[in-house]
Amino acid sequence: MKPWYAKTGLRFRCLPDCGMCCAEKGWVFFTFLEAGAAAEYLNTTVDTLVADGTFVELPTCYSAKHIETGACRFLKDGKCSIYPVRPTQCVTFPFWWTYLTSPEAWTAAIKRCPGCGVGPVHSAEEIETAADTQARSMREIGASCV
């Protein structure tokens, strides 16, 4: 059976200077490889990012959420300071299975993110590739799908 968005696709564009998803309470997971890429991009090491509190080391991954505010520690002046190497969780948002189950679930994404429902149309194939990539990444680190 084809998904409800198969005929029309879904519109999404990450809006410059938005940062709303980065400022939400929750977890931003980095695989060990993604953490290494972020550290390299910043010309530092993962150990340094752990030591200065940017990363919280978990058994199977790292997280970059600020404990008090919930915002991602890479959110600087309303922008992602590691955008070119951001983790899979960020790259695939909002095309997570959580938001693809029904039109109502997509409406929840639209309420959460001003880039949902605007911008270019993404095909069902693009959407499902992103959702599968996100789910695979979460399984890899042992987290439940967000």
C-alpha atoms as a PDB file:
ATOM      1  CA  MET A   1       0.000   0.000   0.000  1.00  0.00           C
ATOM      2  CA  LYS A   2       1.291   3.433  -0.907  1.00  0.00           C
ATOM      3  CA  PRO A   3       1.784   5.984   1.850  1.00  0.00           C
ATOM      4  CA  TRP A   4      -0.717   8.813   2.248  1.00  0.00           C
ATOM      5  CA  TYR A   5       1.824  11.323   0.853  1.00  0.00           C
ATOM      6  CA  ALA A   6       2.742   9.228  -2.233  1.00  0.00           C
ATOM      7  CA  LYS A   7       0.837  11.338  -4.799  1.00  0.00           C
ATOM      8  CA  THR A   8       1.701  14.808  -3.576  1.00  0.00           C
ATOM      9  CA  GLY A   9       4.956  14.346  -1.668  1.00  0.00           C
ATOM     10  CA  LEU A  10       5.687  16.666   1.239  1.00  0.00           C
ATOM     11  CA  ARG A  11       7.111  20.155   1.297  1.00  0.00           C
ATOM     12  CA  PHE A  12      10.071  21.029   3.482  1.00  0.00           C
ATOM     13  CA  ARG A  13      12.900  23.518   3.532  1.00  0.00           C
ATOM     14  CA  CYS A  14      15.255  24.144   6.416  1.00  0.00           C
ATOM     15  CA  LEU A  15      14.870  27.863   7.030  1.00  0.00           C
ATOM     16  CA  PRO A  16      18.025  29.932   7.533  1.00  0.00           C
ATOM     17  CA  ASP A  17      18.436  31.361  11.019  1.00  0.00           C
ATOM     18  CA  CYS A  18      15.510  29.319  12.370  1.00  0.00           C
ATOM     19  CA  GLY A  19      17.118  26.941  14.871  1.00  0.00           C
ATOM     20  CA  MET A  20      13.776  25.974  16.441  1.00  0.00           C
ATOM     21  CA  CYS A  21      14.454  22.239  16.301  1.00  0.00           C
ATOM     22  CA  CYS A  22      17.924  22.830  17.779  1.00  0.00           C
ATOM     23  CA  ALA A  23      16.473  24.709  20.733  1.00  0.00           C
ATOM     24  CA  GLU A  24      13.853  22.096  21.668  1.00  0.00           C
ATOM     25  CA  LYS A  25      14.204  19.882  24.693  1.00  0.00           C
ATOM     26  CA  GLY A  26      15.191  16.374  23.754  1.00  0.00           C
ATOM     27  CA  TRP A  27      18.246  14.481  22.629  1.00  0.00           C
ATOM     28  CA  VAL A  28      20.581  15.070  19.718  1.00  0.00           C
ATOM     29  CA  PHE A  29      22.420  11.815  19.161  1.00  0.00           C
ATOM     30  CA  PHE A  30      25.786  11.525  17.421  1.00  0.00           C
ATOM     31  CA  THR A  31      27.262   8.188  16.426  1.00  0.00           C
ATOM     32  CA  PHE A  32      30.938   7.871  17.243  1.00  0.00           C
ATOM     33  CA  LEU A  33      31.778   8.659  13.606  1.00  0.00           C
ATOM     34  CA  GLU A  34      29.494  11.708  13.562  1.00  0.00           C
ATOM     35  CA  ALA A  35      31.052  12.975  16.792  1.00  0.00           C
ATOM     36  CA  GLY A  36      34.487  12.611  15.235  1.00  0.00           C
ATOM     37  CA  ALA A  37      33.374  14.536  12.142  1.00  0.00           C
ATOM     38  CA  ALA A  38      31.991  17.351  14.295  1.00  0.00           C
ATOM     39  CA  ALA A  39      35.211  17.546  16.300  1.00  0.00           C
ATOM     40  CA  GLU A  40      37.324  17.571  13.144  1.00  0.00           C
ATOM     41  CA  TYR A  41      35.133  20.304  11.617  1.00  0.00           C
ATOM     42  CA  LEU A  42      35.760  22.396  14.751  1.00  0.00           C
ATOM     43  CA  ASN A  43      39.497  21.593  14.711  1.00  0.00           C
ATOM     44  CA  THR A  44      39.348  19.860  18.072  1.00  0.00           C
ATOM     45  CA  THR A  45      38.917  16.362  19.472  1.00  0.00           C
ATOM     46  CA  VAL A  46      35.951  14.416  20.778  1.00  0.00           C
ATOM     47  CA  ASP A  47      37.753  14.154  24.139  1.00  0.00           C
ATOM     48  CA  THR A  48      37.934  17.951  24.310  1.00  0.00           C
ATOM     49  CA  LEU A  49      34.227  18.255  23.461  1.00  0.00           C
ATOM     50  CA  VAL A  50      33.430  15.802  26.252  1.00  0.00           C
ATOM     51  CA  ALA A  51      35.727  17.580  28.703  1.00  0.00           C
ATOM     52  CA  ASP A  52      34.195  21.005  28.016  1.00  0.00           C
ATOM     53  CA  GLY A  53      30.639  19.659  28.315  1.00  0.00           C
ATOM     54  CA  THR A  54      29.666  19.995  24.663  1.00  0.00           C
ATOM     55  CA  PHE A  55      29.173  16.244  24.369  1.00  0.00           C
ATOM     56  CA  VAL A  56      27.716  13.928  26.963  1.00  0.00           C
ATOM     57  CA  GLU A  57      29.230  10.498  26.505  1.00  0.00           C
ATOM     58  CA  LEU A  58      26.669   7.693  26.512  1.00  0.00           C
ATOM     59  CA  PRO A  59      27.384   3.959  26.217  1.00  0.00           C
ATOM     60  CA  THR A  60      26.812   3.758  22.446  1.00  0.00           C
ATOM     61  CA  CYS A  61      26.944   7.372  21.280  1.00  0.00           C
ATOM     62  CA  TYR A  62      27.246  11.022  22.282  1.00  0.00           C
ATOM     63  CA  SER A  63      24.571  13.631  22.912  1.00  0.00           C
ATOM     64  CA  ALA A  64      24.905  17.377  22.515  1.00  0.00           C
ATOM     65  CA  LYS A  65      21.933  18.654  24.486  1.00  0.00           C
ATOM     66  CA  HIS A  66      22.419  21.332  27.101  1.00  0.00           C
ATOM     67  CA  ILE A  67      21.233  19.892  30.386  1.00  0.00           C
ATOM     68  CA  GLU A  68      19.546  23.053  31.687  1.00  0.00           C
ATOM     69  CA  THR A  69      17.985  24.462  28.511  1.00  0.00           C
ATOM     70  CA  GLY A  70      17.607  21.401  26.288  1.00  0.00           C
ATOM     71  CA  ALA A  71      19.147  23.288  23.353  1.00  0.00           C
ATOM     72  CA  CYS A  72      21.809  21.655  21.246  1.00  0.00           C
ATOM     73  CA  ARG A  73      25.241  22.823  22.323  1.00  0.00           C
ATOM     74  CA  PHE A  74      26.156  23.434  18.690  1.00  0.00           C
ATOM     75  CA  LEU A  75      23.436  26.086  18.349  1.00  0.00           C
ATOM     76  CA  LYS A  76      25.345  29.380  18.248  1.00  0.00           C
ATOM     77  CA  ASP A  77      23.656  32.717  17.574  1.00  0.00           C
ATOM     78  CA  GLY A  78      20.570  30.898  16.297  1.00  0.00           C
ATOM     79  CA  LYS A  79      22.517  28.799  13.789  1.00  0.00           C
ATOM     80  CA  CYS A  80      24.027  25.334  13.725  1.00  0.00           C
ATOM     81  CA  SER A  81      27.774  25.759  14.102  1.00  0.00           C
ATOM     82  CA  ILE A  82      28.398  22.323  12.547  1.00  0.00           C
ATOM     83  CA  TYR A  83      25.719  22.385   9.830  1.00  0.00           C
ATOM     84  CA  PRO A  84      27.868  20.756   7.103  1.00  0.00           C
ATOM     85  CA  VAL A  85      28.614  17.787   9.408  1.00  0.00           C
ATOM     86  CA  ARG A  86      25.442  17.702  11.530  1.00  0.00           C
ATOM     87  CA  PRO A  87      24.335  14.221  12.611  1.00  0.00           C
ATOM     88  CA  THR A  88      21.881  11.972  10.778  1.00  0.00           C
ATOM     89  CA  GLN A  89      19.135  12.886  13.225  1.00  0.00           C
ATOM     90  CA  CYS A  90      19.360  16.504  12.062  1.00  0.00           C
ATOM     91  CA  VAL A  91      19.937  15.760   8.374  1.00  0.00           C
ATOM     92  CA  THR A  92      16.814  13.616   8.148  1.00  0.00           C
ATOM     93  CA  PHE A  93      14.446  15.853  10.145  1.00  0.00           C
ATOM     94  CA  PRO A  94      11.446  16.122   9.664  1.00  0.00           C
ATOM     95  CA  PHE A  95      11.281  12.946   7.615  1.00  0.00           C
ATOM     96  CA  TRP A  96      11.116  10.620  10.610  1.00  0.00           C
ATOM     97  CA  TRP A  97       8.598   7.776  10.722  1.00  0.00           C
ATOM     98  CA  THR A  98       7.029   9.497  13.746  1.00  0.00           C
ATOM     99  CA  TYR A  99       5.788  12.286  11.479  1.00  0.00           C
ATOM    100  CA  LEU A 100       4.919  10.134   8.467  1.00  0.00           C
ATOM    101  CA  THR A 101       2.297   7.815   9.912  1.00  0.00           C
ATOM    102  CA  SER A 102      -0.648  10.047   8.991  1.00  0.00           C
ATOM    103  CA  PRO A 103      -1.600  13.530   7.821  1.00  0.00           C
ATOM    104  CA  GLU A 104      -2.245  14.368  11.483  1.00  0.00           C
ATOM    105  CA  ALA A 105       1.295  13.356  12.413  1.00  0.00           C
ATOM    106  CA  TRP A 106       2.639  15.587   9.619  1.00  0.00           C
ATOM    107  CA  THR A 107       0.490  18.424  10.953  1.00  0.00           C
ATOM    108  CA  ALA A 108       2.289  17.970  14.282  1.00  0.00           C
ATOM    109  CA  ALA A 109       5.589  18.399  12.428  1.00  0.00           C
ATOM    110  CA  ILE A 110       4.247  21.549  10.754  1.00  0.00           C
ATOM    111  CA  LYS A 111       3.356  22.965  14.177  1.00  0.00           C
ATOM    112  CA  ARG A 112       6.847  22.137  15.438  1.00  0.00           C
ATOM    113  CA  CYS A 113       8.827  23.432  12.464  1.00  0.00           C
ATOM    114  CA  PRO A 114       8.103  26.455  10.241  1.00  0.00           C
ATOM    115  CA  GLY A 115       9.996  24.793   7.371  1.00  0.00           C
ATOM    116  CA  CYS A 116       7.492  21.933   7.166  1.00  0.00           C
ATOM    117  CA  GLY A 117       4.827  22.507   4.558  1.00  0.00           C
ATOM    118  CA  VAL A 118       6.922  25.082   2.650  1.00  0.00           C
ATOM    119  CA  GLY A 119       9.763  24.843   0.169  1.00  0.00           C
ATOM    120  CA  PRO A 120      10.363  22.171  -2.426  1.00  0.00           C
ATOM    121  CA  VAL A 121       8.256  19.059  -2.722  1.00  0.00           C
ATOM    122  CA  HIS A 122      10.057  15.887  -1.672  1.00  0.00           C
ATOM    123  CA  SER A 123       8.964  12.634  -3.289  1.00  0.00           C
ATOM    124  CA  ALA A 124       7.783   9.624  -1.324  1.00  0.00           C
ATOM    125  CA  GLU A 125      11.028   7.885  -2.272  1.00  0.00           C
ATOM    126  CA  GLU A 126      13.176  10.728  -0.873  1.00  0.00           C
ATOM    127  CA  ILE A 127      11.063  10.899   2.262  1.00  0.00           C
ATOM    128  CA  GLU A 128      11.213   7.172   2.942  1.00  0.00           C
ATOM    129  CA  THR A 129      14.949   7.032   2.274  1.00  0.00           C
ATOM    130  CA  ALA A 130      15.453   9.736   4.911  1.00  0.00           C
ATOM    131  CA  ALA A 131      13.125   8.010   7.380  1.00  0.00           C
ATOM    132  CA  ASP A 132      14.863   4.666   6.890  1.00  0.00           C
ATOM    133  CA  THR A 133      18.272   6.327   7.324  1.00  0.00           C
ATOM    134  CA  GLN A 134      17.127   7.932  10.586  1.00  0.00           C
ATOM    135  CA  ALA A 135      15.663   4.677  11.894  1.00  0.00           C
ATOM    136  CA  ARG A 136      18.849   2.776  10.998  1.00  0.00           C
ATOM    137  CA  SER A 137      20.982   5.373  12.780  1.00  0.00           C
ATOM    138  CA  MET A 138      18.842   5.160  15.916  1.00  0.00           C
ATOM    139  CA  ARG A 139      19.077   1.354  15.875  1.00  0.00           C
ATOM    140  CA  GLU A 140      22.847   1.614  15.485  1.00  0.00           C
ATOM    141  CA  ILE A 141      23.162   3.660  18.652  1.00  0.00           C
ATOM    142  CA  GLY A 142      20.505   1.711  20.479  1.00  0.00           C
ATOM    143  CA  ALA A 143      18.044   4.571  20.849  1.00  0.00           C
ATOM    144  CA  SER A 144      14.347   4.328  20.199  1.00  0.00           C
ATOM    145  CA  CYS A 145      13.176   6.225  17.136  1.00  0.00           C
ATOM    146  CA  VAL A 146      12.271   9.800  17.937  1.00  0.00           C
END
